[in-house]
Amino acid sequence: MNMEQQIEHSHLPIRGLNLHIAQAGKGDLGTVVFLHGFPEIWYSWRHQMLAVAAAGYRAVALDWRGYGLSDQPPEQEAASYDDLVEDLLAILDALSVPKAFLVAKDFGARPAYYFALRHPSRTCGVMCLGIPFLHGSTTFTSLPEGFYILRWREPGRAEADFSRYDVKRVVRTIYILFSRSEIPIAKEDQEIMDLADLSTPLPEWFTEADLAIYVSLYEKSGFRYPMEMPYRSLHKTNAIEDPKFQVPVFVVMGEKDYVFKFPGVESVLKDGIMEKFAPDLKITYIPEGSHFVQEQFPDRVNDLLISFLKDHPASAS
């Protein structure tokens, strides 16, 4: 069967919104929930969904509220990570899943970590790609004004930048910029969209057909909510006092991921800081891995993921 035949799509009524989920597999060995980042959607996990389904698990990938085929929240400027945690809990309840493995990347890592801390009895383990657990607020004061997060935090700035082009050009540019090893930083007389043009090739592992699927979904959702969540909501999370993970945590970092160069990230991973919060912690590095390591090296990530699942049987947790 091809991917379209193996993956089923539906909508769940979750906390006043209809959220889109994609599912594959029967789930005899447990449920694995995949949480995307930006500029991603459920489709970012296509390779991993089929692999865990073939290994005997139920794969569930959602479009976060405001993304892809999910409804837009009515008050977008009120976006918060706590909403994502509560959505995730409600999705597990709606699917009658007592506990699940969480696999996340980019901004999806934050609700995954917070869910595991707040609901350890509903969590088998957490695997995050590209983002370690960063306790406390994230500051970027050491980065230039042209740093893409600082630009996109400004209300209306990204919207004005993106509106110069069609959705395909915007998604294409972001995928190119985020797959590089350098942090996207614009000069004073530039906007972020000026950092790549149509002569810049897509990454070799990302096809025009892949791009078309992302484009079709961002044409539906637009970019307004994705700018609120994550970029304009980074400061809104209610921090957990003295966080301590009671479940296994696995961090996979591509060594060419530009996030590695964010202030504090390498130190958290390599100086034992994260181990203070996650006693059962494993960290693996993929030498040529970019920010989209699960699409760039799907077989490598699938092997790591399935080994992690098998090392922590859901029935034993």
C-alpha atoms as a PDB file:
ATOM      1  CA  MET A   1       0.000   0.000   0.000  1.00  0.00           C
ATOM      2  CA  ASN A   2       1.140   3.530  -0.646  1.00  0.00           C
ATOM      3  CA  MET A   3       1.155   6.253   1.984  1.00  0.00           C
ATOM      4  CA  GLU A   4      -2.293   7.567   1.049  1.00  0.00           C
ATOM      5  CA  GLN A   5      -3.815   4.124   1.633  1.00  0.00           C
ATOM      6  CA  GLN A   6      -2.060   3.527   4.953  1.00  0.00           C
ATOM      7  CA  ILE A   7      -2.742   6.889   6.619  1.00  0.00           C
ATOM      8  CA  GLU A   8      -6.302   7.740   7.637  1.00  0.00           C
ATOM      9  CA  HIS A   9      -7.512  11.278   8.267  1.00  0.00           C
ATOM     10  CA  SER A  10     -10.221  12.580  10.555  1.00  0.00           C
ATOM     11  CA  HIS A  11     -11.225  15.569  12.655  1.00  0.00           C
ATOM     12  CA  LEU A  12     -11.809  15.518  16.403  1.00  0.00           C
ATOM     13  CA  PRO A  13     -13.869  18.093  18.324  1.00  0.00           C
ATOM     14  CA  ILE A  14     -11.275  19.338  20.811  1.00  0.00           C
ATOM     15  CA  ARG A  15     -11.959  22.191  23.227  1.00  0.00           C
ATOM     16  CA  GLY A  16     -14.236  24.034  20.832  1.00  0.00           C
ATOM     17  CA  LEU A  17     -12.165  23.446  17.682  1.00  0.00           C
ATOM     18  CA  ASN A  18     -12.112  20.683  15.068  1.00  0.00           C
ATOM     19  CA  LEU A  19      -8.516  19.440  14.994  1.00  0.00           C
ATOM     20  CA  HIS A  20      -7.166  17.330  12.158  1.00  0.00           C
ATOM     21  CA  ILE A  21      -5.338  14.104  12.951  1.00  0.00           C
ATOM     22  CA  ALA A  22      -3.683  11.539  10.709  1.00  0.00           C
ATOM     23  CA  GLN A  23      -3.401   7.941  11.918  1.00  0.00           C
ATOM     24  CA  ALA A  24      -1.720   4.714  10.840  1.00  0.00           C
ATOM     25  CA  GLY A  25      -1.306   1.294  12.437  1.00  0.00           C
ATOM     26  CA  LYS A  26      -3.266  -0.802  14.919  1.00  0.00           C
ATOM     27  CA  GLY A  27      -1.294  -0.005  18.037  1.00  0.00           C
ATOM     28  CA  ASP A  28      -0.828  -3.398  19.674  1.00  0.00           C
ATOM     29  CA  LEU A  29       2.439  -2.166  21.231  1.00  0.00           C
ATOM     30  CA  GLY A  30       1.258   1.344  22.126  1.00  0.00           C
ATOM     31  CA  THR A  31       0.499   4.768  20.665  1.00  0.00           C
ATOM     32  CA  VAL A  32       3.020   7.275  19.342  1.00  0.00           C
ATOM     33  CA  VAL A  33       1.855  10.890  18.983  1.00  0.00           C
ATOM     34  CA  PHE A  34       3.836  13.146  16.636  1.00  0.00           C
ATOM     35  CA  LEU A  35       3.973  16.909  17.272  1.00  0.00           C
ATOM     36  CA  HIS A  36       5.170  19.167  14.462  1.00  0.00           C
ATOM     37  CA  GLY A  37       6.932  22.525  14.467  1.00  0.00           C
ATOM     38  CA  PHE A  38       6.991  25.418  11.989  1.00  0.00           C
ATOM     39  CA  PRO A  39       6.788  25.504   8.978  1.00  0.00           C
ATOM     40  CA  GLU A  40       5.518  21.971   9.345  1.00  0.00           C
ATOM     41  CA  ILE A  41       2.253  20.053   9.544  1.00  0.00           C
ATOM     42  CA  TRP A  42       1.268  16.422  10.149  1.00  0.00           C
ATOM     43  CA  TYR A  43       2.914  15.478   6.822  1.00  0.00           C
ATOM     44  CA  SER A  44       6.363  16.209   8.271  1.00  0.00           C
ATOM     45  CA  TRP A  45       6.104  12.874  10.101  1.00  0.00           C
ATOM     46  CA  ARG A  46       5.036  10.742   7.110  1.00  0.00           C
ATOM     47  CA  HIS A  47       8.192   8.595   7.165  1.00  0.00           C
ATOM     48  CA  GLN A  48       8.057   8.023  10.918  1.00  0.00           C
ATOM     49  CA  MET A  49       4.320   7.244  10.956  1.00  0.00           C
ATOM     50  CA  LEU A  50       4.685   4.407   8.478  1.00  0.00           C
ATOM     51  CA  ALA A  51       7.743   3.018  10.262  1.00  0.00           C
ATOM     52  CA  VAL A  52       6.159   2.868  13.724  1.00  0.00           C
ATOM     53  CA  ALA A  53       2.921   1.489  12.271  1.00  0.00           C
ATOM     54  CA  ALA A  54       4.888  -1.305  10.596  1.00  0.00           C
ATOM     55  CA  ALA A  55       6.620  -1.975  13.934  1.00  0.00           C
ATOM     56  CA  GLY A  56       3.282  -2.573  15.683  1.00  0.00           C
ATOM     57  CA  TYR A  57       2.397   0.846  17.070  1.00  0.00           C
ATOM     58  CA  ARG A  58      -0.454   3.261  16.459  1.00  0.00           C
ATOM     59  CA  ALA A  59       0.864   6.462  14.894  1.00  0.00           C
ATOM     60  CA  VAL A  60      -1.057   9.691  15.456  1.00  0.00           C
ATOM     61  CA  ALA A  61       0.105  12.974  13.894  1.00  0.00           C
ATOM     62  CA  LEU A  62      -1.899  16.108  14.452  1.00  0.00           C
ATOM     63  CA  ASP A  63      -2.116  19.529  12.925  1.00  0.00           C
ATOM     64  CA  TRP A  64      -1.879  21.929  15.857  1.00  0.00           C
ATOM     65  CA  ARG A  65      -4.728  24.397  16.206  1.00  0.00           C
ATOM     66  CA  GLY A  66      -4.331  27.097  13.568  1.00  0.00           C
ATOM     67  CA  TYR A  67      -2.208  24.837  11.349  1.00  0.00           C
ATOM     68  CA  GLY A  68      -2.980  22.708   8.301  1.00  0.00           C
ATOM     69  CA  LEU A  69      -6.472  21.235   8.272  1.00  0.00           C
ATOM     70  CA  SER A  70      -7.250  22.170  11.894  1.00  0.00           C
ATOM     71  CA  ASP A  71      -9.537  25.057  12.808  1.00  0.00           C
ATOM     72  CA  GLN A  72      -8.227  28.524  13.495  1.00  0.00           C
ATOM     73  CA  PRO A  73      -8.643  29.658  17.114  1.00  0.00           C
ATOM     74  CA  PRO A  74     -10.957  32.685  17.406  1.00  0.00           C
ATOM     75  CA  GLU A  75      -8.583  34.916  19.396  1.00  0.00           C
ATOM     76  CA  GLN A  76      -5.250  34.241  17.734  1.00  0.00           C
ATOM     77  CA  GLU A  77      -3.294  36.812  19.715  1.00  0.00           C
ATOM     78  CA  ALA A  78      -4.198  34.867  22.875  1.00  0.00           C
ATOM     79  CA  ALA A  79      -2.133  31.879  21.710  1.00  0.00           C
ATOM     80  CA  SER A  80      -0.299  30.031  24.475  1.00  0.00           C
ATOM     81  CA  TYR A  81       1.636  26.811  24.887  1.00  0.00           C
ATOM     82  CA  ASP A  82      -0.730  25.819  27.673  1.00  0.00           C
ATOM     83  CA  ASP A  83      -3.481  25.541  25.039  1.00  0.00           C
ATOM     84  CA  LEU A  84      -1.369  23.037  23.133  1.00  0.00           C
ATOM     85  CA  VAL A  85      -0.784  20.942  26.254  1.00  0.00           C
ATOM     86  CA  GLU A  86      -4.512  20.923  27.007  1.00  0.00           C
ATOM     87  CA  ASP A  87      -5.323  20.085  23.375  1.00  0.00           C
ATOM     88  CA  LEU A  88      -2.948  17.130  23.545  1.00  0.00           C
ATOM     89  CA  LEU A  89      -4.570  15.813  26.727  1.00  0.00           C
ATOM     90  CA  ALA A  90      -8.018  16.140  25.158  1.00  0.00           C
ATOM     91  CA  ILE A  91      -6.864  14.322  22.008  1.00  0.00           C
ATOM     92  CA  LEU A  92      -5.609  11.362  24.058  1.00  0.00           C
ATOM     93  CA  ASP A  93      -8.933  11.285  25.892  1.00  0.00           C
ATOM     94  CA  ALA A  94     -10.915  11.494  22.636  1.00  0.00           C
ATOM     95  CA  LEU A  95      -8.910   8.608  21.170  1.00  0.00           C
ATOM     96  CA  SER A  96      -9.195   6.561  24.404  1.00  0.00           C
ATOM     97  CA  VAL A  97      -5.395   6.427  24.689  1.00  0.00           C
ATOM     98  CA  PRO A  98      -4.417   5.955  28.358  1.00  0.00           C
ATOM     99  CA  LYS A  99      -0.775   6.903  27.762  1.00  0.00           C
ATOM    100  CA  ALA A 100       1.406   7.602  24.759  1.00  0.00           C
ATOM    101  CA  PHE A 101       4.921   8.173  23.521  1.00  0.00           C
ATOM    102  CA  LEU A 102       5.421  11.766  22.393  1.00  0.00           C
ATOM    103  CA  VAL A 103       7.710  12.539  19.444  1.00  0.00           C
ATOM    104  CA  ALA A 104       8.216  16.238  18.751  1.00  0.00           C
ATOM    105  CA  LYS A 105      10.397  18.752  16.995  1.00  0.00           C
ATOM    106  CA  ASP A 106      10.945  22.480  16.839  1.00  0.00           C
ATOM    107  CA  PHE A 107       8.294  24.333  18.873  1.00  0.00           C
ATOM    108  CA  GLY A 108       6.356  21.067  19.286  1.00  0.00           C
ATOM    109  CA  ALA A 109       9.056  20.032  21.762  1.00  0.00           C
ATOM    110  CA  ARG A 110       7.910  22.553  24.352  1.00  0.00           C
ATOM    111  CA  PRO A 111       4.338  21.226  24.742  1.00  0.00           C
ATOM    112  CA  ALA A 112       5.762  17.685  24.648  1.00  0.00           C
ATOM    113  CA  TYR A 113       8.115  18.420  27.545  1.00  0.00           C
ATOM    114  CA  TYR A 114       5.436  20.279  29.499  1.00  0.00           C
ATOM    115  CA  PHE A 115       2.883  17.536  28.924  1.00  0.00           C
ATOM    116  CA  ALA A 116       5.315  14.903  30.214  1.00  0.00           C
ATOM    117  CA  LEU A 117       6.048  17.006  33.308  1.00  0.00           C
ATOM    118  CA  ARG A 118       2.396  17.746  34.070  1.00  0.00           C
ATOM    119  CA  HIS A 119       0.937  14.383  33.057  1.00  0.00           C
ATOM    120  CA  PRO A 120       3.579  11.706  33.656  1.00  0.00           C
ATOM    121  CA  SER A 121       0.896   9.043  34.123  1.00  0.00           C
ATOM    122  CA  ARG A 122      -0.245   9.662  30.527  1.00  0.00           C
ATOM    123  CA  THR A 123       3.285   9.635  29.065  1.00  0.00           C
ATOM    124  CA  CYS A 124       5.405   6.588  28.158  1.00  0.00           C
ATOM    125  CA  GLY A 125       8.406   8.647  27.051  1.00  0.00           C
ATOM    126  CA  VAL A 126       9.434  11.724  25.085  1.00  0.00           C
ATOM    127  CA  MET A 127      11.664  11.957  22.017  1.00  0.00           C
ATOM    128  CA  CYS A 128      12.456  15.464  20.790  1.00  0.00           C
ATOM    129  CA  LEU A 129      14.357  16.422  17.655  1.00  0.00           C
ATOM    130  CA  GLY A 130      16.438  19.566  17.615  1.00  0.00           C
ATOM    131  CA  ILE A 131      15.243  21.149  20.869  1.00  0.00           C
ATOM    132  CA  PRO A 132      16.506  20.234  24.351  1.00  0.00           C
ATOM    133  CA  PHE A 133      14.555  21.075  27.485  1.00  0.00           C
ATOM    134  CA  LEU A 134      15.366  24.685  28.296  1.00  0.00           C
ATOM    135  CA  HIS A 135      14.229  25.580  31.790  1.00  0.00           C
ATOM    136  CA  GLY A 136      13.196  29.194  32.236  1.00  0.00           C
ATOM    137  CA  SER A 137      12.558  31.869  29.653  1.00  0.00           C
ATOM    138  CA  THR A 138      14.399  31.907  26.358  1.00  0.00           C
ATOM    139  CA  THR A 139      16.205  35.139  25.574  1.00  0.00           C
ATOM    140  CA  PHE A 140      17.874  36.147  22.351  1.00  0.00           C
ATOM    141  CA  THR A 141      19.409  39.426  23.461  1.00  0.00           C
ATOM    142  CA  SER A 142      22.855  38.365  22.229  1.00  0.00           C
ATOM    143  CA  LEU A 143      21.593  37.942  18.647  1.00  0.00           C
ATOM    144  CA  PRO A 144      21.290  40.777  16.102  1.00  0.00           C
ATOM    145  CA  GLU A 145      18.046  42.635  15.440  1.00  0.00           C
ATOM    146  CA  GLY A 146      17.744  40.810  12.113  1.00  0.00           C
ATOM    147  CA  PHE A 147      17.439  37.395  13.809  1.00  0.00           C
ATOM    148  CA  TYR A 148      14.315  35.828  12.349  1.00  0.00           C
ATOM    149  CA  ILE A 149      12.562  35.213  15.705  1.00  0.00           C
ATOM    150  CA  LEU A 150      13.072  38.832  16.779  1.00  0.00           C
ATOM    151  CA  ARG A 151      11.692  39.980  13.419  1.00  0.00           C
ATOM    152  CA  TRP A 152       8.706  37.626  13.501  1.00  0.00           C
ATOM    153  CA  ARG A 153       7.847  38.583  17.086  1.00  0.00           C
ATOM    154  CA  GLU A 154       6.966  42.084  15.857  1.00  0.00           C
ATOM    155  CA  PRO A 155       3.216  42.194  15.117  1.00  0.00           C
ATOM    156  CA  GLY A 156       2.674  42.599  11.398  1.00  0.00           C
ATOM    157  CA  ARG A 157       6.342  42.402  10.359  1.00  0.00           C
ATOM    158  CA  ALA A 158       6.313  38.844   9.029  1.00  0.00           C
ATOM    159  CA  GLU A 159       2.852  39.291   7.544  1.00  0.00           C
ATOM    160  CA  ALA A 160       4.069  42.301   5.532  1.00  0.00           C
ATOM    161  CA  ASP A 161       7.220  40.444   4.478  1.00  0.00           C
ATOM    162  CA  PHE A 162       5.346  37.299   3.413  1.00  0.00           C
ATOM    163  CA  SER A 163       2.580  39.212   1.606  1.00  0.00           C
ATOM    164  CA  ARG A 164       5.044  40.255  -1.101  1.00  0.00           C
ATOM    165  CA  TYR A 165       5.010  36.682  -2.418  1.00  0.00           C
ATOM    166  CA  ASP A 166       2.665  33.757  -2.908  1.00  0.00           C
ATOM    167  CA  VAL A 167       2.426  30.993  -0.304  1.00  0.00           C
ATOM    168  CA  LYS A 168       4.637  28.654  -2.331  1.00  0.00           C
ATOM    169  CA  ARG A 169       7.499  31.144  -2.377  1.00  0.00           C
ATOM    170  CA  VAL A 170       7.169  31.750   1.379  1.00  0.00           C
ATOM    171  CA  VAL A 171       7.148  28.069   2.383  1.00  0.00           C
ATOM    172  CA  ARG A 172       9.937  27.304  -0.063  1.00  0.00           C
ATOM    173  CA  THR A 173      12.121  30.090   1.328  1.00  0.00           C
ATOM    174  CA  ILE A 174      11.574  29.085   4.951  1.00  0.00           C
ATOM    175  CA  TYR A 175      12.408  25.439   4.208  1.00  0.00           C
ATOM    176  CA  ILE A 176      15.619  26.510   2.482  1.00  0.00           C
ATOM    177  CA  LEU A 177      16.651  28.868   5.286  1.00  0.00           C
ATOM    178  CA  PHE A 178      15.821  26.436   8.104  1.00  0.00           C
ATOM    179  CA  SER A 179      17.700  23.564   6.434  1.00  0.00           C
ATOM    180  CA  ARG A 180      20.977  25.497   6.565  1.00  0.00           C
ATOM    181  CA  SER A 181      23.504  25.367   9.378  1.00  0.00           C
ATOM    182  CA  GLU A 182      23.568  29.151   9.826  1.00  0.00           C
ATOM    183  CA  ILE A 183      20.948  31.012  11.873  1.00  0.00           C
ATOM    184  CA  PRO A 184      18.684  33.051   9.541  1.00  0.00           C
ATOM    185  CA  ILE A 185      19.602  36.683  10.196  1.00  0.00           C
ATOM    186  CA  ALA A 186      18.648  39.567   7.903  1.00  0.00           C
ATOM    187  CA  LYS A 187      20.614  42.758   7.463  1.00  0.00           C
ATOM    188  CA  GLU A 188      19.071  46.088   8.398  1.00  0.00           C
ATOM    189  CA  ASP A 189      17.916  46.758   4.848  1.00  0.00           C
ATOM    190  CA  GLN A 190      16.550  43.226   4.344  1.00  0.00           C
ATOM    191  CA  GLU A 191      13.566  41.174   5.380  1.00  0.00           C
ATOM    192  CA  ILE A 192      13.795  37.436   6.094  1.00  0.00           C
ATOM    193  CA  MET A 193      12.229  36.540   2.721  1.00  0.00           C
ATOM    194  CA  ASP A 194      15.132  38.334   1.020  1.00  0.00           C
ATOM    195  CA  LEU A 195      17.605  35.708   2.286  1.00  0.00           C
ATOM    196  CA  ALA A 196      16.774  33.260  -0.533  1.00  0.00           C
ATOM    197  CA  ASP A 197      15.392  33.599  -4.039  1.00  0.00           C
ATOM    198  CA  LEU A 198      13.925  31.308  -6.684  1.00  0.00           C
ATOM    199  CA  SER A 199      17.397  30.399  -7.954  1.00  0.00           C
ATOM    200  CA  THR A 200      18.209  28.771  -4.593  1.00  0.00           C
ATOM    201  CA  PRO A 201      17.527  25.028  -4.876  1.00  0.00           C
ATOM    202  CA  LEU A 202      15.373  23.109  -2.441  1.00  0.00           C
ATOM    203  CA  PRO A 203      17.186  20.610  -0.190  1.00  0.00           C
ATOM    204  CA  GLU A 204      17.730  17.399  -2.158  1.00  0.00           C
ATOM    205  CA  TRP A 205      15.546  15.405   0.247  1.00  0.00           C
ATOM    206  CA  PHE A 206      12.555  17.774  -0.151  1.00  0.00           C
ATOM    207  CA  THR A 207      10.699  17.393  -3.449  1.00  0.00           C
ATOM    208  CA  GLU A 208       8.427  19.725  -5.364  1.00  0.00           C
ATOM    209  CA  ALA A 209       5.612  17.267  -4.567  1.00  0.00           C
ATOM    210  CA  ASP A 210       6.381  17.611  -0.848  1.00  0.00           C
ATOM    211  CA  LEU A 211       6.396  21.382  -1.192  1.00  0.00           C
ATOM    212  CA  ALA A 212       3.018  21.293  -2.945  1.00  0.00           C
ATOM    213  CA  ILE A 213       1.429  19.519   0.014  1.00  0.00           C
ATOM    214  CA  TYR A 214       2.762  22.095   2.481  1.00  0.00           C
ATOM    215  CA  VAL A 215       1.641  24.906   0.194  1.00  0.00           C
ATOM    216  CA  SER A 216      -1.905  23.563  -0.091  1.00  0.00           C
ATOM    217  CA  LEU A 217      -2.252  23.492   3.678  1.00  0.00           C
ATOM    218  CA  TYR A 218      -0.698  26.911   4.307  1.00  0.00           C
ATOM    219  CA  GLU A 219      -2.962  28.334   1.622  1.00  0.00           C
ATOM    220  CA  LYS A 220      -5.793  27.137   3.853  1.00  0.00           C
ATOM    221  CA  SER A 221      -4.394  28.200   7.233  1.00  0.00           C
ATOM    222  CA  GLY A 222      -2.353  31.250   6.323  1.00  0.00           C
ATOM    223  CA  PHE A 223       0.575  32.430   8.445  1.00  0.00           C
ATOM    224  CA  ARG A 224      -1.078  34.639  11.032  1.00  0.00           C
ATOM    225  CA  TYR A 225      -1.527  32.016  13.743  1.00  0.00           C
ATOM    226  CA  PRO A 226       1.876  30.363  13.034  1.00  0.00           C
ATOM    227  CA  MET A 227       3.485  33.715  13.844  1.00  0.00           C
ATOM    228  CA  GLU A 228       1.558  33.901  17.131  1.00  0.00           C
ATOM    229  CA  MET A 229       2.446  30.288  17.898  1.00  0.00           C
ATOM    230  CA  PRO A 230       5.323  29.884  18.420  1.00  0.00           C
ATOM    231  CA  TYR A 231       7.110  33.213  17.971  1.00  0.00           C
ATOM    232  CA  ARG A 232       4.874  35.693  19.785  1.00  0.00           C
ATOM    233  CA  SER A 233       4.018  33.248  22.564  1.00  0.00           C
ATOM    234  CA  LEU A 234       7.489  32.226  23.746  1.00  0.00           C
ATOM    235  CA  HIS A 235       7.168  34.351  26.896  1.00  0.00           C
ATOM    236  CA  LYS A 236       3.686  33.140  27.866  1.00  0.00           C
ATOM    237  CA  THR A 237       4.415  29.660  29.211  1.00  0.00           C
ATOM    238  CA  ASN A 238       3.718  29.086  32.883  1.00  0.00           C
ATOM    239  CA  ALA A 239       7.013  27.678  34.111  1.00  0.00           C
ATOM    240  CA  ILE A 240       7.026  24.535  36.237  1.00  0.00           C
ATOM    241  CA  GLU A 241       8.815  24.925  39.548  1.00  0.00           C
ATOM    242  CA  ASP A 242      11.686  22.457  40.000  1.00  0.00           C
ATOM    243  CA  PRO A 243      10.840  20.347  36.908  1.00  0.00           C
ATOM    244  CA  LYS A 244      11.808  16.682  37.079  1.00  0.00           C
ATOM    245  CA  PHE A 245      10.925  14.227  34.326  1.00  0.00           C
ATOM    246  CA  GLN A 246       9.554  10.913  35.577  1.00  0.00           C
ATOM    247  CA  VAL A 247       9.678   9.363  32.094  1.00  0.00           C
ATOM    248  CA  PRO A 248      12.544   8.574  29.716  1.00  0.00           C
ATOM    249  CA  VAL A 249      13.646  11.476  27.525  1.00  0.00           C
ATOM    250  CA  PHE A 250      15.545  11.131  24.242  1.00  0.00           C
ATOM    251  CA  VAL A 251      17.002  14.141  22.394  1.00  0.00           C
ATOM    252  CA  VAL A 252      18.217  13.787  18.817  1.00  0.00           C
ATOM    253  CA  MET A 253      20.228  16.716  17.429  1.00  0.00           C
ATOM    254  CA  GLY A 254      21.417  17.201  13.905  1.00  0.00           C
ATOM    255  CA  GLU A 255      24.903  18.669  14.188  1.00  0.00           C
ATOM    256  CA  LYS A 256      24.153  20.973  11.230  1.00  0.00           C
ATOM    257  CA  ASP A 257      20.909  22.212  12.812  1.00  0.00           C
ATOM    258  CA  TYR A 258      21.126  26.009  13.116  1.00  0.00           C
ATOM    259  CA  VAL A 259      19.344  25.770  16.497  1.00  0.00           C
ATOM    260  CA  PHE A 260      22.581  24.292  17.859  1.00  0.00           C
ATOM    261  CA  LYS A 261      23.952  27.857  17.653  1.00  0.00           C
ATOM    262  CA  PHE A 262      21.167  29.408  19.728  1.00  0.00           C
ATOM    263  CA  PRO A 263      22.434  30.817  23.051  1.00  0.00           C
ATOM    264  CA  GLY A 264      22.634  28.086  25.682  1.00  0.00           C
ATOM    265  CA  VAL A 265      21.560  25.135  23.543  1.00  0.00           C
ATOM    266  CA  GLU A 266      24.932  23.413  23.181  1.00  0.00           C
ATOM    267  CA  SER A 267      25.700  23.979  26.862  1.00  0.00           C
ATOM    268  CA  VAL A 268      22.403  22.405  27.969  1.00  0.00           C
ATOM    269  CA  LEU A 269      23.186  19.325  25.903  1.00  0.00           C
ATOM    270  CA  LYS A 270      26.918  18.915  26.511  1.00  0.00           C
ATOM    271  CA  ASP A 271      27.487  20.279  30.027  1.00  0.00           C
ATOM    272  CA  GLY A 272      25.073  17.959  31.818  1.00  0.00           C
ATOM    273  CA  ILE A 273      22.476  20.680  32.475  1.00  0.00           C
ATOM    274  CA  MET A 274      19.534  18.800  31.026  1.00  0.00           C
ATOM    275  CA  GLU A 275      20.387  15.686  33.036  1.00  0.00           C
ATOM    276  CA  LYS A 276      19.493  17.617  36.201  1.00  0.00           C
ATOM    277  CA  PHE A 277      15.898  17.700  34.994  1.00  0.00           C
ATOM    278  CA  ALA A 278      15.766  14.363  33.141  1.00  0.00           C
ATOM    279  CA  PRO A 279      17.467  11.566  35.098  1.00  0.00           C
ATOM    280  CA  ASP A 280      16.646   9.008  32.360  1.00  0.00           C
ATOM    281  CA  LEU A 281      18.145  10.978  29.464  1.00  0.00           C
ATOM    282  CA  LYS A 282      19.714   9.886  26.198  1.00  0.00           C
ATOM    283  CA  ILE A 283      21.234  12.297  23.654  1.00  0.00           C
ATOM    284  CA  THR A 284      22.241  11.305  20.129  1.00  0.00           C
ATOM    285  CA  TYR A 285      23.850  13.450  17.433  1.00  0.00           C
ATOM    286  CA  ILE A 286      23.413  12.969  13.687  1.00  0.00           C
ATOM    287  CA  PRO A 287      26.546  14.434  12.052  1.00  0.00           C
ATOM    288  CA  GLU A 288      25.047  15.943   8.879  1.00  0.00           C
ATOM    289  CA  GLY A 289      21.564  16.389  10.293  1.00  0.00           C
ATOM    290  CA  SER A 290      19.726  19.663   9.694  1.00  0.00           C
ATOM    291  CA  HIS A 291      16.701  21.201  11.393  1.00  0.00           C
ATOM    292  CA  PHE A 292      14.539  18.766   9.372  1.00  0.00           C
ATOM    293  CA  VAL A 293      16.494  15.661  10.277  1.00  0.00           C
ATOM    294  CA  GLN A 294      13.399  13.408  10.281  1.00  0.00           C
ATOM    295  CA  GLU A 295      12.783  14.240   6.608  1.00  0.00           C
ATOM    296  CA  GLN A 296      16.460  14.453   5.636  1.00  0.00           C
ATOM    297  CA  PHE A 297      17.511  11.114   7.171  1.00  0.00           C
ATOM    298  CA  PRO A 298      14.222   9.271   7.740  1.00  0.00           C
ATOM    299  CA  ASP A 299      15.734   5.791   8.005  1.00  0.00           C
ATOM    300  CA  ARG A 300      18.260   6.923  10.624  1.00  0.00           C
ATOM    301  CA  VAL A 301      15.604   8.696  12.678  1.00  0.00           C
ATOM    302  CA  ASN A 302      13.192   5.767  12.312  1.00  0.00           C
ATOM    303  CA  ASP A 303      15.822   3.349  13.629  1.00  0.00           C
ATOM    304  CA  LEU A 304      16.507   5.597  16.629  1.00  0.00           C
ATOM    305  CA  LEU A 305      12.805   6.056  17.311  1.00  0.00           C
ATOM    306  CA  ILE A 306      11.883   2.383  17.128  1.00  0.00           C
ATOM    307  CA  SER A 307      14.856   1.437  19.324  1.00  0.00           C
ATOM    308  CA  PHE A 308      13.660   3.997  21.886  1.00  0.00           C
ATOM    309  CA  LEU A 309      10.129   2.579  21.792  1.00  0.00           C
ATOM    310  CA  LYS A 310      11.350  -0.995  22.188  1.00  0.00           C
ATOM    311  CA  ASP A 311      13.673  -0.035  25.052  1.00  0.00           C
ATOM    312  CA  HIS A 312      10.673   1.345  26.957  1.00  0.00           C
ATOM    313  CA  PRO A 313       7.703  -0.976  26.369  1.00  0.00           C
ATOM    314  CA  ALA A 314       4.390   0.808  26.937  1.00  0.00           C
ATOM    315  CA  SER A 315       3.069  -2.201  28.881  1.00  0.00           C
ATOM    316  CA  ALA A 316       5.931  -1.882  31.372  1.00  0.00           C
ATOM    317  CA  SER A 317       5.603   1.852  31.976  1.00  0.00           C
END
